[in-house]
C-alpha atoms as a PDB file:
ATOM      1  CA  MET A   1       8.859 183.013-119.423  1.00  0.00           C
ATOM      2  CA  LEU A   2       9.849 180.469-117.341  1.00  0.00           C
ATOM      3  CA  LYS A   3       6.312 179.707-116.286  1.00  0.00           C
ATOM      4  CA  ARG A   4       5.175 179.534-120.023  1.00  0.00           C
ATOM      5  CA  ILE A   5       7.788 176.928-120.952  1.00  0.00           C
ATOM      6  CA  ILE A   6       6.739 174.979-117.924  1.00  0.00           C
ATOM      7  CA  SER A   7       3.207 175.008-118.766  1.00  0.00           C
ATOM      8  CA  VAL A   8       3.901 173.850-122.462  1.00  0.00           C
ATOM      9  CA  ALA A   9       6.385 171.412-121.378  1.00  0.00           C
ATOM     10  CA  THR A  10       3.501 170.304-118.810  1.00  0.00           C
ATOM     11  CA  ILE A  11       0.766 170.140-121.361  1.00  0.00           C
ATOM     12  CA  LEU A  12       3.422 167.942-123.805  1.00  0.00           C
ATOM     13  CA  LEU A  13       4.216 165.716-121.218  1.00  0.00           C
ATOM     14  CA  THR A  14       0.531 164.904-120.120  1.00  0.00           C
ATOM     15  CA  LEU A  15      -0.645 164.773-124.014  1.00  0.00           C
ATOM     16  CA  THR A  16       2.471 162.157-124.570  1.00  0.00           C
ATOM     17  CA  LEU A  17       1.527 159.715-121.376  1.00  0.00           C
ATOM     18  CA  VAL A  18      -2.152 159.811-122.314  1.00  0.00           C
ATOM     19  CA  SER A  19      -1.613 159.355-125.963  1.00  0.00           C
ATOM     20  CA  CYS A  20       0.745 156.198-125.163  1.00  0.00           C
ATOM     21  CA  LYS A  21      -1.773 153.143-125.004  1.00  0.00           C
ATOM     22  CA  ASP A  22      -1.651 149.878-126.630  1.00  0.00           C
ATOM     23  CA  ASP A  23      -2.373 149.918-130.125  1.00  0.00           C
ATOM     24  CA  VAL A  24      -5.664 149.218-131.254  1.00  0.00           C
ATOM     25  CA  MET A  25      -6.133 145.806-133.122  1.00  0.00           C
ATOM     26  CA  PRO A  26      -9.199 145.046-135.264  1.00  0.00           C
ATOM     27  CA  LYS A  27     -11.839 142.496-133.884  1.00  0.00           C
ATOM     28  CA  PRO A  28     -12.071 139.648-135.827  1.00  0.00           C
ATOM     29  CA  ALA A  29     -15.412 139.157-138.023  1.00  0.00           C
ATOM     30  CA  SER A  30     -18.029 136.822-135.847  1.00  0.00           C
ATOM     31  CA  PHE A  31     -20.828 135.122-137.042  1.00  0.00           C
ATOM     32  CA  LEU A  32     -24.505 134.310-135.153  1.00  0.00           C
ATOM     33  CA  ARG A  33     -23.950 130.613-134.553  1.00  0.00           C
ATOM     34  CA  LEU A  34     -27.384 128.936-134.846  1.00  0.00           C
ATOM     35  CA  ASP A  35     -27.491 125.214-133.848  1.00  0.00           C
ATOM     36  CA  TYR A  36     -31.081 123.410-134.600  1.00  0.00           C
ATOM     37  CA  PRO A  37     -31.789 120.125-132.849  1.00  0.00           C
ATOM     38  CA  GLU A  38     -30.990 117.349-135.017  1.00  0.00           C
ATOM     39  CA  ALA A  39     -33.894 116.183-137.177  1.00  0.00           C
ATOM     40  CA  THR A  40     -36.234 113.494-136.596  1.00  0.00           C
ATOM     41  CA  TYR A  41     -38.959 112.437-138.782  1.00  0.00           C
ATOM     42  CA  ALA A  42     -42.314 110.759-138.429  1.00  0.00           C
ATOM     43  CA  ASN A  43     -44.903 109.435-140.982  1.00  0.00           C
ATOM     44  CA  PHE A  44     -47.673 111.771-142.240  1.00  0.00           C
ATOM     45  CA  GLU A  45     -50.840 109.925-143.300  1.00  0.00           C
ATOM     46  CA  GLY A  46     -53.847 112.116-144.129  1.00  0.00           C
ATOM     47  CA  ASP A  47     -57.010 111.695-146.331  1.00  0.00           C
ATOM     48  CA  CYS A  48     -54.860 112.408-149.549  1.00  0.00           C
ATOM     49  CA  PRO A  49     -53.530 110.177-151.914  1.00  0.00           C
ATOM     50  CA  PHE A  50     -50.036 110.496-150.725  1.00  0.00           C
ATOM     51  CA  SER A  51     -47.976 109.983-147.319  1.00  0.00           C
ATOM     52  CA  PHE A  52     -44.677 111.199-146.318  1.00  0.00           C
ATOM     53  CA  GLN A  53     -42.014 111.720-143.499  1.00  0.00           C
ATOM     54  CA  MET A  54     -41.733 115.189-142.085  1.00  0.00           C
ATOM     55  CA  ASN A  55     -39.814 116.804-139.153  1.00  0.00           C
ATOM     56  CA  GLU A  56     -41.418 116.345-136.042  1.00  0.00           C
ATOM     57  CA  ALA A  57     -40.489 120.082-134.684  1.00  0.00           C
ATOM     58  CA  ALA A  58     -42.540 121.203-137.828  1.00  0.00           C
ATOM     59  CA  ILE A  59     -46.497 121.893-137.671  1.00  0.00           C
ATOM     60  CA  ILE A  60     -48.335 120.755-140.640  1.00  0.00           C
ATOM     61  CA  LYS A  61     -51.645 122.801-141.409  1.00  0.00           C
ATOM     62  CA  GLY A  62     -54.359 121.366-143.693  1.00  0.00           C
ATOM     63  CA  GLU A  63     -55.607 123.424-146.701  1.00  0.00           C
ATOM     64  CA  LYS A  64     -57.716 122.371-149.079  1.00  0.00           C
ATOM     65  CA  ASN A  65     -57.488 119.832-152.209  1.00  0.00           C
ATOM     66  CA  CYS A  66     -54.520 118.185-150.166  1.00  0.00           C
ATOM     67  CA  GLY A  67     -52.568 121.132-149.953  1.00  0.00           C
ATOM     68  CA  PHE A  68     -50.315 121.594-146.540  1.00  0.00           C
ATOM     69  CA  ALA A  69     -48.378 124.582-145.342  1.00  0.00           C
ATOM     70  CA  ILE A  70     -45.523 122.897-142.739  1.00  0.00           C
ATOM     71  CA  THR A  71     -44.264 125.618-140.637  1.00  0.00           C
ATOM     72  CA  TYR A  72     -41.297 126.164-138.637  1.00  0.00           C
ATOM     73  CA  PRO A  73     -42.232 128.616-136.435  1.00  0.00           C
ATOM     74  CA  LYS A  74     -38.610 128.863-134.603  1.00  0.00           C
ATOM     75  CA  MET A  75     -36.988 129.629-138.055  1.00  0.00           C
ATOM     76  CA  LYS A  76     -39.870 131.757-139.414  1.00  0.00           C
ATOM     77  CA  ALA A  77     -40.220 129.440-142.491  1.00  0.00           C
ATOM     78  CA  THR A  78     -43.229 127.562-144.283  1.00  0.00           C
ATOM     79  CA  ILE A  79     -43.041 124.962-146.911  1.00  0.00           C
ATOM     80  CA  TYR A  80     -45.925 124.865-149.093  1.00  0.00           C
ATOM     81  CA  LEU A  81     -47.046 121.885-150.451  1.00  0.00           C
ATOM     82  CA  THR A  82     -49.443 121.760-153.641  1.00  0.00           C
ATOM     83  CA  TYR A  83     -51.196 118.527-154.877  1.00  0.00           C
ATOM     84  CA  LYS A  84     -52.725 118.281-158.234  1.00  0.00           C
ATOM     85  CA  PRO A  85     -54.444 115.448-159.929  1.00  0.00           C
ATOM     86  CA  VAL A  86     -53.040 114.701-163.617  1.00  0.00           C
ATOM     87  CA  ASN A  87     -55.651 114.765-165.974  1.00  0.00           C
ATOM     88  CA  GLY A  88     -53.694 114.297-169.119  1.00  0.00           C
ATOM     89  CA  ASP A  89     -52.005 117.520-168.359  1.00  0.00           C
ATOM     90  CA  ILE A  90     -48.466 116.515-167.129  1.00  0.00           C
ATOM     91  CA  GLU A  91     -46.906 118.624-169.928  1.00  0.00           C
ATOM     92  CA  LYS A  92     -48.361 121.665-168.480  1.00  0.00           C
ATOM     93  CA  LEU A  93     -48.031 120.813-164.976  1.00  0.00           C
ATOM     94  CA  LEU A  94     -44.206 120.119-165.404  1.00  0.00           C
ATOM     95  CA  LYS A  95     -44.029 123.489-167.553  1.00  0.00           C
ATOM     96  CA  ASP A  96     -45.910 125.208-164.727  1.00  0.00           C
ATOM     97  CA  ALA A  97     -43.316 123.698-161.618  1.00  0.00           C
ATOM     98  CA  GLN A  98     -40.310 124.687-163.961  1.00  0.00           C
ATOM     99  CA  LYS A  99     -41.598 128.092-164.371  1.00  0.00           C
ATOM    100  CA  LEU A 100     -42.267 129.008-160.876  1.00  0.00           C
ATOM    101  CA  THR A 101     -38.593 127.800-160.375  1.00  0.00           C
ATOM    102  CA  TYR A 102     -37.062 130.111-162.820  1.00  0.00           C
ATOM    103  CA  GLU A 103     -38.971 132.906-162.361  1.00  0.00           C
ATOM    104  CA  HIS A 104     -36.612 133.507-159.156  1.00  0.00           C
ATOM    105  CA  VAL A 105     -33.466 133.732-161.800  1.00  0.00           C
ATOM    106  CA  ILE A 106     -33.570 137.428-161.566  1.00  0.00           C
ATOM    107  CA  LYS A 107     -32.423 137.286-157.846  1.00  0.00           C
ATOM    108  CA  ALA A 108     -30.630 133.932-157.783  1.00  0.00           C
ATOM    109  CA  ASP A 109     -27.055 133.346-158.174  1.00  0.00           C
ATOM    110  CA  ASP A 110     -27.405 129.941-159.410  1.00  0.00           C
ATOM    111  CA  ILE A 111     -30.144 127.224-159.865  1.00  0.00           C
ATOM    112  CA  LEU A 112     -28.937 123.522-159.217  1.00  0.00           C
ATOM    113  CA  GLU A 113     -31.327 121.019-160.652  1.00  0.00           C
ATOM    114  CA  GLN A 114     -31.193 117.656-159.488  1.00  0.00           C
ATOM    115  CA  PRO A 115     -33.148 114.629-160.358  1.00  0.00           C
ATOM    116  CA  TYR A 116     -35.001 112.368-158.326  1.00  0.00           C
ATOM    117  CA  LEU A 117     -36.000 108.772-159.842  1.00  0.00           C
ATOM    118  CA  ASN A 118     -37.727 105.933-157.625  1.00  0.00           C
ATOM    119  CA  PRO A 119     -39.230 103.601-160.105  1.00  0.00           C
ATOM    120  CA  GLU A 120     -40.046 100.930-157.075  1.00  0.00           C
ATOM    121  CA  LYS A 121     -42.427 103.855-155.560  1.00  0.00           C
ATOM    122  CA  LYS A 122     -43.314 105.428-159.089  1.00  0.00           C
ATOM    123  CA  VAL A 123     -41.826 108.798-157.712  1.00  0.00           C
ATOM    124  CA  TYR A 124     -40.066 110.866-160.403  1.00  0.00           C
ATOM    125  CA  GLY A 125     -39.269 114.761-159.960  1.00  0.00           C
ATOM    126  CA  MET A 126     -36.606 117.326-159.689  1.00  0.00           C
ATOM    127  CA  PHE A 127     -35.205 119.364-156.814  1.00  0.00           C
ATOM    128  CA  TYR A 128     -34.281 122.765-157.355  1.00  0.00           C
ATOM    129  CA  GLN A 129     -31.603 124.512-154.913  1.00  0.00           C
ATOM    130  CA  VAL A 130     -31.714 128.187-155.690  1.00  0.00           C
ATOM    131  CA  ASP A 131     -28.710 130.014-154.542  1.00  0.00           C
ATOM    132  CA  GLY A 132     -28.730 133.631-153.997  1.00  0.00           C
ATOM    133  CA  ASN A 133     -31.422 136.156-152.390  1.00  0.00           C
ATOM    134  CA  ALA A 134     -34.240 134.705-154.284  1.00  0.00           C
ATOM    135  CA  ALA A 135     -37.741 134.446-152.547  1.00  0.00           C
ATOM    136  CA  THR A 136     -37.113 130.611-152.063  1.00  0.00           C
ATOM    137  CA  ASN A 137     -34.095 128.414-151.716  1.00  0.00           C
ATOM    138  CA  SER A 138     -35.608 125.038-152.492  1.00  0.00           C
ATOM    139  CA  GLN A 139     -38.117 123.732-154.514  1.00  0.00           C
ATOM    140  CA  PHE A 140     -39.317 120.325-156.001  1.00  0.00           C
ATOM    141  CA  TYR A 141     -41.813 118.410-157.669  1.00  0.00           C
ATOM    142  CA  VAL A 142     -42.650 114.890-157.960  1.00  0.00           C
ATOM    143  CA  THR A 143     -45.250 112.772-159.891  1.00  0.00           C
ATOM    144  CA  ASP A 144     -46.164 109.225-160.612  1.00  0.00           C
ATOM    145  CA  SER A 145     -46.882 110.500-164.327  1.00  0.00           C
ATOM    146  CA  THR A 146     -50.156 109.563-164.749  1.00  0.00           C
ATOM    147  CA  LYS A 147     -52.438 110.625-161.667  1.00  0.00           C
ATOM    148  CA  HIS A 148     -50.527 112.730-158.983  1.00  0.00           C
ATOM    149  CA  PHE A 149     -48.620 115.816-158.972  1.00  0.00           C
ATOM    150  CA  ILE A 150     -47.138 117.934-156.132  1.00  0.00           C
ATOM    151  CA  THR A 151     -44.845 120.658-155.920  1.00  0.00           C
ATOM    152  CA  GLY A 152     -43.180 122.030-152.712  1.00  0.00           C
ATOM    153  CA  SER A 153     -41.261 125.225-152.192  1.00  0.00           C
ATOM    154  CA  VAL A 154     -39.896 126.863-148.976  1.00  0.00           C
ATOM    155  CA  TYR A 155     -40.518 130.674-148.129  1.00  0.00           C
ATOM    156  CA  PHE A 156     -38.989 132.813-144.860  1.00  0.00           C
ATOM    157  CA  TYR A 157     -40.787 135.403-143.265  1.00  0.00           C
ATOM    158  CA  ALA A 158     -37.771 137.870-143.770  1.00  0.00           C
ATOM    159  CA  LYS A 159     -36.419 139.822-146.399  1.00  0.00           C
ATOM    160  CA  PRO A 160     -34.085 137.726-148.650  1.00  0.00           C
ATOM    161  CA  ASN A 161     -30.675 137.562-147.675  1.00  0.00           C
ATOM    162  CA  PHE A 162     -29.135 134.335-148.325  1.00  0.00           C
ATOM    163  CA  ASP A 163     -26.362 134.921-146.011  1.00  0.00           C
ATOM    164  CA  SER A 164     -28.348 135.310-142.705  1.00  0.00           C
ATOM    165  CA  ILE A 165     -30.799 132.643-143.418  1.00  0.00           C
ATOM    166  CA  MET A 166     -28.313 130.137-144.820  1.00  0.00           C
ATOM    167  CA  PRO A 167     -28.292 127.649-141.765  1.00  0.00           C
ATOM    168  CA  ALA A 168     -31.971 127.570-141.610  1.00  0.00           C
ATOM    169  CA  ALA A 169     -32.221 127.303-145.199  1.00  0.00           C
ATOM    170  CA  SER A 170     -29.874 124.273-145.209  1.00  0.00           C
ATOM    171  CA  TYR A 171     -31.641 122.620-142.307  1.00  0.00           C
ATOM    172  CA  ILE A 172     -35.030 122.842-144.002  1.00  0.00           C
ATOM    173  CA  LYS A 173     -33.603 122.009-147.389  1.00  0.00           C
ATOM    174  CA  ASN A 174     -32.763 118.434-145.877  1.00  0.00           C
ATOM    175  CA  ASP A 175     -36.182 118.111-144.591  1.00  0.00           C
ATOM    176  CA  MET A 176     -37.484 118.821-148.166  1.00  0.00           C
ATOM    177  CA  ARG A 177     -35.456 116.166-149.658  1.00  0.00           C
ATOM    178  CA  GLN A 178     -36.635 113.691-146.775  1.00  0.00           C
ATOM    179  CA  LEU A 179     -40.117 114.307-147.827  1.00  0.00           C
ATOM    180  CA  MET A 180     -39.342 114.193-151.349  1.00  0.00           C
ATOM    181  CA  GLU A 181     -37.767 110.804-151.283  1.00  0.00           C
ATOM    182  CA  THR A 182     -40.011 109.088-148.648  1.00  0.00           C
ATOM    183  CA  LEU A 183     -43.386 110.075-150.395  1.00  0.00           C
ATOM    184  CA  LYS A 184     -45.282 107.277-151.402  1.00  0.00           C
ATOM    185  CA  TRP A 185     -48.678 107.197-153.404  1.00  0.00           C
ATOM    186  CA  LYS A 186     -51.590 105.477-152.109  1.00  0.00           C
END
């Protein structure tokens, strides 16, 4: 009987000593830190009836009819520019550009419209910031309202998850604004 009491006491003492550890503290939430180089811009001149400034870190690929794909390989993103001449159909072009933006309203939390007017350069347009898990986070269109019309939108090669791509989306959004605000008609 004494052996049994000693065995039970030993087991209890062992369990007590083993279970006495520091309190477990939850680790604070952490986030992936993505640092991008400060953007430096260079003029892009081509055979098209417009020019603009673009980020030197991006790669531009020409397509037909003065449409371009400006790629960001490290961010897995592309800005698509589409050029269309205005042939008395400015209202249709404007409706199409707005329709393209508002097709994302299903997944978007908010769509912020920011008008752009530069009467000196005859560049007028709208910049759209699309918040939420939409396929595109930024879009714009610019026109001189008589001859030229350009749309631009950014797409990431990843499943839309705004929280994950927010740093890259913000960086590219600034590049899109720079492109839009430095655009000149020839």
